[in-house]
Amino acid sequence: MYKKALIEKFRNLSTVALIAGILADSLACLYLILPFTNFIRIPIEDISTYIIGISLFTTIIICLAITAIVSGSIDLKRIRAGKYTKKGRGFDTAGIVLGAIIVLVALFFVLEEIIDPFLLSFTGYF
């Protein structure tokens, strides 16, 4: 352990945690709001491309959320160990919370599809 904590403005991991959490949440909101608008009109022959695009978009959102959780946790662990000052602790906490919200919402949708696959299919959205 370091006897003297490193003095820095903000470390890269805390900044990554916050930015990844914000990006994951804003992309998830866009993902949930966009189909209710009339901006997307999909021809029936392009449905496979649409499905691939949606699954890729979902994967990006989940990866950003996991990145926010992991980088925030690593930086908080280093703060607790005394390697760094407490500067950036709020960024870490915010990134972890924002990433956890997305992971919990994704987990809810997956479990809901396993338990009752026809519940959300009547809305025409999922």
Protein backbone atom coordinates (compact mmCIF):
# COMPACT_ATOMS: atom_id res chain seq x y z
CA MET A 1 0.00 0.00 0.00
CA TYR A 2 1.06 3.53 -0.64
CA LYS A 3 1.79 5.65 2.39
CA LYS A 4 0.82 8.77 0.54
CA ALA A 5 -2.31 8.78 -1.57
CA LEU A 6 -1.88 9.92 -5.13
CA ILE A 7 -3.26 13.38 -5.69
CA GLU A 8 -5.19 13.67 -8.94
CA LYS A 9 -8.19 15.60 -10.16
CA PHE A 10 -10.20 12.65 -11.41
CA ARG A 11 -8.89 9.28 -12.39
CA ASN A 12 -9.70 7.57 -15.64
CA LEU A 13 -11.68 4.74 -14.07
CA SER A 14 -14.05 7.04 -12.23
CA THR A 15 -14.64 9.07 -15.39
CA VAL A 16 -15.20 5.91 -17.43
CA ALA A 17 -17.69 4.64 -14.85
CA LEU A 18 -19.75 7.82 -15.00
CA ILE A 19 -19.67 8.22 -18.80
CA ALA A 20 -20.46 4.53 -19.44
CA GLY A 21 -23.36 4.69 -16.99
CA ILE A 22 -24.79 7.82 -18.59
CA LEU A 23 -24.39 6.40 -22.11
CA ALA A 24 -26.03 3.11 -21.12
CA ASP A 25 -29.00 4.87 -19.54
CA SER A 26 -29.52 7.33 -22.38
CA LEU A 27 -29.25 4.61 -25.04
CA ALA A 28 -31.70 2.46 -23.09
CA CYS A 29 -34.18 5.34 -22.89
CA LEU A 30 -33.78 5.89 -26.63
CA TYR A 31 -34.28 2.15 -27.17
CA LEU A 32 -37.51 2.18 -25.16
CA ILE A 33 -38.97 5.44 -26.56
CA LEU A 34 -38.08 5.20 -30.27
CA PRO A 35 -40.49 2.37 -31.26
CA PHE A 36 -43.45 4.36 -29.94
CA THR A 37 -42.73 7.15 -32.40
CA ASN A 38 -43.44 6.84 -36.11
CA PHE A 39 -39.84 7.31 -37.19
CA ILE A 40 -39.27 3.61 -37.86
CA ARG A 41 -41.12 1.97 -40.73
CA ILE A 42 -39.74 -1.49 -41.47
CA PRO A 43 -40.47 -3.31 -44.72
CA ILE A 44 -41.20 -6.98 -44.18
CA GLU A 45 -38.14 -8.12 -46.18
CA ASP A 46 -35.80 -6.19 -43.86
CA ILE A 47 -37.05 -7.74 -40.63
CA SER A 48 -33.93 -9.90 -40.16
CA THR A 49 -31.70 -6.83 -40.41
CA TYR A 50 -33.91 -5.10 -37.85
CA ILE A 51 -33.65 -8.02 -35.44
CA ILE A 52 -29.86 -8.14 -35.80
CA GLY A 53 -29.65 -4.38 -35.25
CA ILE A 54 -31.81 -4.52 -32.13
CA SER A 55 -29.81 -7.38 -30.64
CA LEU A 56 -26.54 -5.54 -31.37
CA PHE A 57 -27.92 -2.35 -29.80
CA THR A 58 -29.01 -4.29 -26.72
CA THR A 59 -25.58 -5.91 -26.43
CA ILE A 60 -23.90 -2.49 -26.56
CA ILE A 61 -26.17 -1.18 -23.81
CA ILE A 62 -25.49 -4.18 -21.55
CA CYS A 63 -21.71 -3.97 -22.17
CA LEU A 64 -21.71 -0.26 -21.28
CA ALA A 65 -23.63 -0.98 -18.07
CA ILE A 66 -21.24 -3.76 -17.07
CA THR A 67 -18.27 -1.50 -17.87
CA ALA A 68 -19.70 1.19 -15.59
CA ILE A 69 -20.17 -1.28 -12.74
CA VAL A 70 -16.75 -2.89 -13.06
CA SER A 71 -14.70 0.29 -13.47
CA GLY A 72 -16.53 2.02 -10.63
CA SER A 73 -16.03 -0.97 -8.34
CA ILE A 74 -12.31 -1.21 -9.11
CA ASP A 75 -11.78 2.48 -8.43
CA LEU A 76 -13.79 2.35 -5.18
CA LYS A 77 -11.71 -0.62 -4.06
CA ARG A 78 -8.53 1.36 -4.69
CA ILE A 79 -9.92 4.30 -2.71
CA ARG A 80 -10.76 2.04 0.24
CA ALA A 81 -7.28 0.50 0.09
CA GLY A 82 -5.77 3.98 0.49
CA LYS A 83 -4.05 4.13 -2.88
CA TYR A 84 -6.02 7.19 -3.97
CA THR A 85 -7.78 10.12 -2.41
CA LYS A 86 -11.56 10.22 -2.20
CA LYS A 87 -11.73 12.49 -5.24
CA GLY A 88 -13.93 10.84 -7.88
CA ARG A 89 -15.85 8.68 -5.41
CA GLY A 90 -19.14 10.28 -6.48
CA PHE A 91 -18.39 9.47 -10.12
CA ASP A 92 -17.79 5.85 -9.16
CA THR A 93 -20.98 5.59 -7.15
CA ALA A 94 -23.05 7.23 -9.88
CA GLY A 95 -21.59 4.92 -12.53
CA ILE A 96 -22.31 1.83 -10.43
CA VAL A 97 -25.89 2.92 -9.74
CA LEU A 98 -26.61 3.82 -13.38
CA GLY A 99 -25.10 0.55 -14.61
CA ALA A 100 -27.01 -1.47 -12.03
CA ILE A 101 -30.31 0.11 -13.09
CA ILE A 102 -29.78 -1.07 -16.68
CA VAL A 103 -28.71 -4.56 -15.61
CA LEU A 104 -31.76 -4.89 -13.34
CA VAL A 105 -34.13 -3.71 -16.08
CA ALA A 106 -32.57 -6.16 -18.56
CA LEU A 107 -32.82 -8.94 -15.98
CA PHE A 108 -36.48 -8.07 -15.41
CA PHE A 109 -37.25 -8.35 -19.14
CA VAL A 110 -35.38 -11.65 -19.46
CA LEU A 111 -37.10 -13.18 -16.43
CA GLU A 112 -40.47 -11.88 -17.61
CA GLU A 113 -39.99 -13.59 -20.97
CA ILE A 114 -39.07 -16.83 -19.24
CA ILE A 115 -42.02 -16.73 -16.83
CA ASP A 116 -44.74 -15.43 -19.17
CA PRO A 117 -43.60 -15.11 -22.79
CA PHE A 118 -46.94 -13.77 -24.04
CA LEU A 119 -47.42 -10.92 -21.57
CA LEU A 120 -45.43 -8.24 -23.40
CA SER A 121 -46.07 -9.63 -26.88
CA PHE A 122 -49.64 -8.28 -26.90
CA THR A 123 -48.38 -4.70 -26.87
CA GLY A 124 -46.71 -5.22 -30.25
CA TYR A 125 -43.50 -3.80 -28.87
CA PHE A 126 -41.52 -6.87 -27.85
